[in-house]
Amino acid sequence: MAKLTPYFYSEDAKTQAQFYVQALGGEIGVQMTYGQAPGTDEAIKDKVMHMAFTAGGVNFFIADTMHEPAGKSSGFDLSLEFKTDEEAQQAFANLSEGGQVIMALEKQFWGSLFGRIEDKFGIKWQVTTEAIVQQG
């Protein structure tokens, strides 16, 4: 069985990871800079080669992009499902700070809250609450 961990490439990995940790609660874990690798150019020694962090109870990896520009997410969203409306509303507000709301967080016909955001780093998120199961 595989384990999926989203891996971001960033123009500023430390700032982006800290944004998610503050927005969703969590912590920065292991991090390695290019300066820790033998023969690294002095100009990139402080750049992040690999960082693990937890935000909203989800594990993520991130690194500074070195060979191509960081792109916007295209063709996929990251979906965060919360147990309460309050948790979803707070996460939605925090992640949308400096970004763009694609679809407002509102009650949907299936009974849960749902909204979409593109955050200030170009990552698209869906924020939702658990679906309410109708008894028939």
N, C-alpha and C. Protein backbone atom coordinates (compact mmCIF):
# COMPACT_ATOMS: atom_id res chain seq x y z
N MET A 1 0.85 -1.18 0.00
CA MET A 1 0.00 0.00 0.00
C MET A 1 0.89 1.24 0.00
N ALA A 2 0.55 2.20 -0.81
CA ALA A 2 1.32 3.44 -0.92
C ALA A 2 0.82 4.47 0.08
N LYS A 3 1.66 5.44 0.35
CA LYS A 3 1.30 6.60 1.18
C LYS A 3 1.54 7.83 0.32
N LEU A 4 0.54 8.68 0.19
CA LEU A 4 0.64 9.88 -0.63
C LEU A 4 1.02 11.07 0.24
N THR A 5 2.08 11.76 -0.14
CA THR A 5 2.49 12.98 0.54
C THR A 5 2.67 14.06 -0.51
N PRO A 6 1.84 15.11 -0.49
CA PRO A 6 2.02 16.21 -1.46
C PRO A 6 3.42 16.81 -1.32
N TYR A 7 4.07 17.08 -2.45
CA TYR A 7 5.42 17.66 -2.46
C TYR A 7 5.36 18.93 -3.29
N PHE A 8 5.62 20.07 -2.64
CA PHE A 8 5.60 21.37 -3.30
C PHE A 8 7.01 21.76 -3.72
N TYR A 9 7.12 22.43 -4.87
CA TYR A 9 8.34 23.13 -5.24
C TYR A 9 8.00 24.61 -5.19
N SER A 10 8.88 25.38 -4.56
CA SER A 10 8.54 26.74 -4.19
C SER A 10 9.66 27.72 -4.53
N GLU A 11 9.28 28.95 -4.72
CA GLU A 11 10.26 30.05 -4.85
C GLU A 11 10.85 30.38 -3.48
N ASP A 12 10.11 30.09 -2.40
CA ASP A 12 10.56 30.37 -1.03
C ASP A 12 9.93 29.34 -0.09
N ALA A 13 10.54 28.17 -0.03
CA ALA A 13 9.97 27.03 0.70
C ALA A 13 9.75 27.34 2.18
N LYS A 14 10.69 28.02 2.82
CA LYS A 14 10.54 28.31 4.26
C LYS A 14 9.30 29.17 4.51
N THR A 15 9.12 30.21 3.70
CA THR A 15 7.97 31.10 3.87
C THR A 15 6.66 30.37 3.56
N GLN A 16 6.65 29.58 2.50
CA GLN A 16 5.43 28.88 2.10
C GLN A 16 5.03 27.85 3.16
N ALA A 17 5.99 27.08 3.64
CA ALA A 17 5.69 26.08 4.68
C ALA A 17 5.18 26.76 5.94
N GLN A 18 5.80 27.86 6.33
CA GLN A 18 5.36 28.58 7.53
C GLN A 18 3.95 29.12 7.36
N PHE A 19 3.60 29.58 6.16
CA PHE A 19 2.24 30.05 5.88
C PHE A 19 1.23 28.95 6.15
N TYR A 20 1.49 27.74 5.64
CA TYR A 20 0.56 26.62 5.83
C TYR A 20 0.49 26.20 7.30
N VAL A 21 1.61 26.19 7.98
CA VAL A 21 1.63 25.82 9.40
C VAL A 21 0.80 26.82 10.20
N GLN A 22 0.95 28.11 9.91
CA GLN A 22 0.16 29.12 10.62
C GLN A 22 -1.31 29.07 10.21
N ALA A 23 -1.59 28.84 8.93
CA ALA A 23 -2.97 28.83 8.44
C ALA A 23 -3.77 27.64 8.97
N LEU A 24 -3.10 26.49 9.09
CA LEU A 24 -3.83 25.26 9.40
C LEU A 24 -3.42 24.62 10.72
N GLY A 25 -2.43 25.19 11.38
CA GLY A 25 -1.89 24.58 12.59
C GLY A 25 -0.98 23.43 12.21
N GLY A 26 0.12 23.31 12.89
CA GLY A 26 1.05 22.23 12.58
C GLY A 26 2.45 22.60 12.99
N GLU A 27 3.43 21.99 12.33
CA GLU A 27 4.81 22.28 12.68
C GLU A 27 5.75 21.90 11.54
N ILE A 28 6.88 22.59 11.53
CA ILE A 28 7.96 22.28 10.60
C ILE A 28 8.75 21.12 11.21
N GLY A 29 9.06 20.14 10.39
CA GLY A 29 9.83 18.98 10.85
C GLY A 29 11.25 19.05 10.32
N VAL A 30 11.69 17.97 9.77
CA VAL A 30 13.04 17.84 9.24
C VAL A 30 13.24 18.79 8.07
N GLN A 31 14.40 19.45 8.04
CA GLN A 31 14.72 20.25 6.88
C GLN A 31 16.21 20.15 6.57
N MET A 32 16.51 20.16 5.28
CA MET A 32 17.88 20.06 4.82
C MET A 32 18.11 21.15 3.78
N THR A 33 19.22 21.84 3.89
CA THR A 33 19.55 22.87 2.91
C THR A 33 20.58 22.33 1.92
N TYR A 34 20.69 23.02 0.79
CA TYR A 34 21.70 22.65 -0.19
C TYR A 34 23.10 22.78 0.40
N GLY A 35 23.27 23.67 1.37
CA GLY A 35 24.57 23.85 2.02
C GLY A 35 25.05 22.61 2.74
N GLN A 36 24.14 21.71 3.06
CA GLN A 36 24.53 20.47 3.73
C GLN A 36 25.08 19.44 2.75
N ALA A 37 24.88 19.66 1.46
CA ALA A 37 25.38 18.74 0.43
C ALA A 37 26.81 19.14 0.04
N PRO A 38 27.67 18.17 -0.16
CA PRO A 38 29.05 18.48 -0.54
C PRO A 38 29.10 19.21 -1.88
N GLY A 39 30.00 20.19 -1.97
CA GLY A 39 30.26 20.89 -3.21
C GLY A 39 29.19 21.85 -3.66
N THR A 40 28.35 22.30 -2.73
CA THR A 40 27.26 23.21 -3.09
C THR A 40 27.79 24.62 -3.32
N ASP A 41 27.28 25.25 -4.36
CA ASP A 41 27.61 26.65 -4.66
C ASP A 41 27.16 27.52 -3.50
N GLU A 42 27.99 28.45 -3.11
CA GLU A 42 27.71 29.35 -1.99
C GLU A 42 26.40 30.12 -2.18
N ALA A 43 26.05 30.43 -3.42
CA ALA A 43 24.86 31.24 -3.71
C ALA A 43 23.56 30.53 -3.33
N ILE A 44 23.57 29.20 -3.25
CA ILE A 44 22.34 28.48 -2.95
C ILE A 44 22.40 27.70 -1.63
N LYS A 45 23.42 27.94 -0.83
CA LYS A 45 23.62 27.13 0.38
C LYS A 45 22.48 27.20 1.37
N ASP A 46 21.73 28.31 1.41
CA ASP A 46 20.63 28.45 2.36
C ASP A 46 19.28 28.02 1.79
N LYS A 47 19.25 27.63 0.52
CA LYS A 47 18.01 27.17 -0.09
C LYS A 47 17.63 25.80 0.46
N VAL A 48 16.31 25.54 0.53
CA VAL A 48 15.81 24.28 1.07
C VAL A 48 15.88 23.19 0.01
N MET A 49 16.62 22.12 0.33
CA MET A 49 16.69 20.95 -0.54
C MET A 49 15.50 20.03 -0.27
N HIS A 50 15.12 19.93 1.01
CA HIS A 50 13.99 19.10 1.41
C HIS A 50 13.52 19.53 2.79
N MET A 51 12.21 19.64 2.95
CA MET A 51 11.62 19.96 4.25
C MET A 51 10.34 19.16 4.40
N ALA A 52 10.14 18.64 5.59
CA ALA A 52 8.88 17.97 5.93
C ALA A 52 8.14 18.87 6.90
N PHE A 53 6.84 19.00 6.70
CA PHE A 53 6.02 19.75 7.66
C PHE A 53 4.64 19.13 7.73
N THR A 54 3.97 19.42 8.83
CA THR A 54 2.60 18.98 9.03
C THR A 54 1.73 20.22 9.15
N ALA A 55 0.61 20.23 8.46
CA ALA A 55 -0.34 21.34 8.53
C ALA A 55 -1.75 20.75 8.44
N GLY A 56 -2.59 21.10 9.38
CA GLY A 56 -3.96 20.57 9.39
C GLY A 56 -3.99 19.06 9.56
N GLY A 57 -2.97 18.51 10.19
CA GLY A 57 -2.91 17.06 10.39
C GLY A 57 -2.44 16.28 9.17
N VAL A 58 -2.04 16.97 8.11
CA VAL A 58 -1.58 16.34 6.88
C VAL A 58 -0.07 16.53 6.75
N ASN A 59 0.63 15.49 6.32
CA ASN A 59 2.08 15.58 6.09
C ASN A 59 2.34 16.10 4.68
N PHE A 60 3.29 17.02 4.57
CA PHE A 60 3.69 17.60 3.30
C PHE A 60 5.22 17.62 3.22
N PHE A 61 5.74 17.66 1.98
CA PHE A 61 7.14 17.93 1.72
C PHE A 61 7.21 19.19 0.87
N ILE A 62 8.35 19.89 0.96
CA ILE A 62 8.55 21.10 0.15
C ILE A 62 10.03 21.30 -0.07
N ALA A 63 10.37 21.93 -1.20
CA ALA A 63 11.76 22.28 -1.52
C ALA A 63 11.76 23.54 -2.36
N ASP A 64 12.87 24.26 -2.29
CA ASP A 64 13.04 25.41 -3.18
C ASP A 64 13.32 24.87 -4.58
N THR A 65 12.64 25.41 -5.56
CA THR A 65 12.87 25.00 -6.94
C THR A 65 14.20 25.60 -7.40
N MET A 66 14.99 24.78 -8.04
CA MET A 66 16.32 25.25 -8.45
C MET A 66 16.50 25.22 -9.97
N HIS A 67 15.69 24.44 -10.67
CA HIS A 67 15.96 24.23 -12.09
C HIS A 67 14.83 24.71 -13.00
N GLU A 68 13.69 25.02 -12.41
CA GLU A 68 12.56 25.50 -13.20
C GLU A 68 11.69 26.35 -12.30
N PRO A 69 10.94 27.28 -12.86
CA PRO A 69 10.09 28.12 -12.00
C PRO A 69 8.98 27.30 -11.34
N ALA A 70 8.63 27.70 -10.13
CA ALA A 70 7.51 27.05 -9.44
C ALA A 70 6.25 27.36 -10.22
N GLY A 71 5.47 26.36 -10.51
CA GLY A 71 4.26 26.55 -11.30
C GLY A 71 3.02 26.53 -10.43
N LYS A 72 1.94 26.98 -11.01
CA LYS A 72 0.65 26.91 -10.33
C LYS A 72 0.11 25.51 -10.49
N SER A 73 -0.71 25.10 -9.52
CA SER A 73 -1.32 23.78 -9.64
C SER A 73 -2.32 23.82 -10.79
N SER A 74 -2.27 22.81 -11.61
CA SER A 74 -3.15 22.76 -12.76
C SER A 74 -3.62 21.32 -12.94
N GLY A 75 -4.91 21.15 -13.06
CA GLY A 75 -5.44 19.82 -13.27
C GLY A 75 -5.70 19.06 -11.99
N PHE A 76 -5.45 19.67 -10.85
CA PHE A 76 -5.75 19.03 -9.57
C PHE A 76 -5.89 20.08 -8.48
N ASP A 77 -6.61 19.73 -7.42
CA ASP A 77 -6.71 20.53 -6.21
C ASP A 77 -6.28 19.64 -5.05
N LEU A 78 -5.87 20.27 -3.98
CA LEU A 78 -5.69 19.56 -2.71
C LEU A 78 -6.97 19.79 -1.92
N SER A 79 -7.56 18.72 -1.41
CA SER A 79 -8.83 18.82 -0.71
C SER A 79 -8.64 18.57 0.78
N LEU A 80 -9.12 19.50 1.59
CA LEU A 80 -9.08 19.38 3.04
C LEU A 80 -10.50 19.25 3.56
N GLU A 81 -10.78 18.17 4.26
CA GLU A 81 -12.11 17.93 4.83
C GLU A 81 -12.03 18.08 6.35
N PHE A 82 -12.94 18.89 6.89
CA PHE A 82 -12.96 19.16 8.33
C PHE A 82 -14.24 18.61 8.95
N LYS A 83 -14.18 18.32 10.24
CA LYS A 83 -15.34 17.79 10.97
C LYS A 83 -16.36 18.86 11.27
N THR A 84 -15.90 20.11 11.50
CA THR A 84 -16.84 21.17 11.89
C THR A 84 -16.83 22.33 10.90
N ASP A 85 -17.94 23.05 10.85
CA ASP A 85 -18.03 24.24 10.01
C ASP A 85 -16.99 25.27 10.43
N GLU A 86 -16.78 25.42 11.74
CA GLU A 86 -15.85 26.43 12.26
C GLU A 86 -14.43 26.16 11.79
N GLU A 87 -14.01 24.88 11.84
CA GLU A 87 -12.66 24.53 11.37
C GLU A 87 -12.51 24.84 9.88
N ALA A 88 -13.51 24.48 9.11
CA ALA A 88 -13.48 24.72 7.66
C ALA A 88 -13.46 26.22 7.37
N GLN A 89 -14.29 26.99 8.05
CA GLN A 89 -14.33 28.44 7.83
C GLN A 89 -13.01 29.11 8.17
N GLN A 90 -12.38 28.67 9.26
CA GLN A 90 -11.09 29.25 9.66
C GLN A 90 -10.00 28.90 8.65
N ALA A 91 -9.94 27.64 8.25
CA ALA A 91 -8.95 27.22 7.26
C ALA A 91 -9.14 27.95 5.94
N PHE A 92 -10.39 28.10 5.51
CA PHE A 92 -10.70 28.78 4.25
C PHE A 92 -10.23 30.23 4.33
N ALA A 93 -10.55 30.90 5.42
CA ALA A 93 -10.14 32.31 5.58
C ALA A 93 -8.61 32.43 5.60
N ASN A 94 -7.96 31.55 6.33
CA ASN A 94 -6.50 31.61 6.45
C ASN A 94 -5.81 31.31 5.12
N LEU A 95 -6.24 30.28 4.42
CA LEU A 95 -5.60 29.92 3.15
C LEU A 95 -5.87 30.94 2.06
N SER A 96 -6.99 31.63 2.12
CA SER A 96 -7.32 32.60 1.08
C SER A 96 -6.61 33.94 1.27
N GLU A 97 -5.97 34.13 2.42
CA GLU A 97 -5.26 35.39 2.69
C GLU A 97 -4.17 35.62 1.64
N GLY A 98 -4.32 36.69 0.88
CA GLY A 98 -3.37 37.02 -0.18
C GLY A 98 -3.58 36.23 -1.46
N GLY A 99 -4.56 35.34 -1.46
CA GLY A 99 -4.84 34.52 -2.64
C GLY A 99 -6.14 34.94 -3.29
N GLN A 100 -6.78 33.98 -3.94
CA GLN A 100 -8.01 34.27 -4.67
C GLN A 100 -9.06 33.20 -4.35
N VAL A 101 -10.25 33.66 -3.99
CA VAL A 101 -11.36 32.73 -3.79
C VAL A 101 -11.91 32.39 -5.16
N ILE A 102 -11.93 31.10 -5.47
CA ILE A 102 -12.48 30.62 -6.74
C ILE A 102 -13.97 30.36 -6.59
N MET A 103 -14.33 29.77 -5.45
CA MET A 103 -15.73 29.48 -5.13
C MET A 103 -15.90 29.69 -3.64
N ALA A 104 -16.81 30.58 -3.26
CA ALA A 104 -17.03 30.89 -1.85
C ALA A 104 -17.37 29.64 -1.05
N LEU A 105 -16.97 29.62 0.19
CA LEU A 105 -17.29 28.51 1.10
C LEU A 105 -18.73 28.67 1.55
N GLU A 106 -19.58 27.78 1.05
CA GLU A 106 -21.01 27.85 1.34
C GLU A 106 -21.59 26.45 1.49
N LYS A 107 -22.74 26.39 2.17
CA LYS A 107 -23.47 25.12 2.26
C LYS A 107 -23.88 24.69 0.87
N GLN A 108 -23.70 23.41 0.58
CA GLN A 108 -24.04 22.87 -0.73
C GLN A 108 -25.27 21.97 -0.62
N PHE A 109 -25.85 21.64 -1.74
CA PHE A 109 -27.07 20.84 -1.75
C PHE A 109 -26.87 19.47 -1.11
N TRP A 110 -25.65 18.97 -1.08
CA TRP A 110 -25.40 17.67 -0.46
C TRP A 110 -25.22 17.77 1.05
N GLY A 111 -25.26 18.99 1.59
CA GLY A 111 -25.30 19.18 3.03
C GLY A 111 -24.03 19.63 3.70
N SER A 112 -22.92 19.65 3.01
CA SER A 112 -21.68 20.10 3.64
C SER A 112 -21.27 21.46 3.11
N LEU A 113 -20.34 22.09 3.82
CA LEU A 113 -19.72 23.31 3.31
C LEU A 113 -18.73 22.90 2.23
N PHE A 114 -18.55 23.76 1.22
CA PHE A 114 -17.58 23.50 0.17
C PHE A 114 -17.16 24.83 -0.43
N GLY A 115 -15.86 24.99 -0.67
CA GLY A 115 -15.33 26.15 -1.35
C GLY A 115 -13.97 25.85 -1.95
N ARG A 116 -13.55 26.70 -2.90
CA ARG A 116 -12.24 26.53 -3.56
C ARG A 116 -11.46 27.83 -3.49
N ILE A 117 -10.15 27.67 -3.34
CA ILE A 117 -9.21 28.79 -3.21
C ILE A 117 -7.99 28.51 -4.07
N GLU A 118 -7.40 29.55 -4.61
CA GLU A 118 -6.02 29.47 -5.08
C GLU A 118 -5.22 30.34 -4.13
N ASP A 119 -4.31 29.74 -3.37
CA ASP A 119 -3.58 30.51 -2.36
C ASP A 119 -2.54 31.41 -3.01
N LYS A 120 -1.88 32.22 -2.23
CA LYS A 120 -0.94 33.21 -2.76
C LYS A 120 0.29 32.58 -3.39
N PHE A 121 0.46 31.26 -3.24
CA PHE A 121 1.58 30.55 -3.85
C PHE A 121 1.16 29.80 -5.12
N GLY A 122 -0.12 29.93 -5.50
CA GLY A 122 -0.62 29.30 -6.71
C GLY A 122 -1.14 27.88 -6.52
N ILE A 123 -1.29 27.44 -5.26
CA ILE A 123 -1.81 26.11 -4.97
C ILE A 123 -3.33 26.20 -4.82
N LYS A 124 -4.04 25.29 -5.48
CA LYS A 124 -5.51 25.28 -5.41
C LYS A 124 -5.95 24.29 -4.33
N TRP A 125 -6.86 24.75 -3.50
CA TRP A 125 -7.39 23.96 -2.39
C TRP A 125 -8.90 23.89 -2.47
N GLN A 126 -9.45 22.75 -2.09
CA GLN A 126 -10.87 22.61 -1.81
C GLN A 126 -10.97 22.48 -0.29
N VAL A 127 -11.87 23.23 0.29
CA VAL A 127 -12.13 23.13 1.72
C VAL A 127 -13.57 22.68 1.87
N THR A 128 -13.77 21.64 2.67
CA THR A 128 -15.10 21.08 2.81
C THR A 128 -15.29 20.52 4.22
N THR A 129 -16.52 20.25 4.54
CA THR A 129 -16.84 19.52 5.77
C THR A 129 -17.34 18.14 5.36
N GLU A 130 -17.41 17.26 6.33
CA GLU A 130 -17.87 15.91 6.04
C GLU A 130 -19.28 15.96 5.46
N ALA A 131 -19.52 15.13 4.47
CA ALA A 131 -20.84 15.08 3.84
C ALA A 131 -21.86 14.53 4.84
N ILE A 132 -23.02 15.11 4.80
CA ILE A 132 -24.12 14.65 5.65
C ILE A 132 -24.84 13.54 4.91
N VAL A 133 -24.91 12.39 5.51
CA VAL A 133 -25.56 11.24 4.89
C VAL A 133 -27.04 11.28 5.24
N GLN A 134 -27.86 11.29 4.21
CA GLN A 134 -29.30 11.31 4.39
C GLN A 134 -29.81 9.89 4.67
N GLN A 135 -30.62 9.74 5.67
CA GLN A 135 -31.25 8.45 5.95
C GLN A 135 -32.53 8.36 5.15
N GLY A 136 -32.75 7.26 4.44
CA GLY A 136 -33.91 7.16 3.56
C GLY A 136 -34.84 6.19 4.05
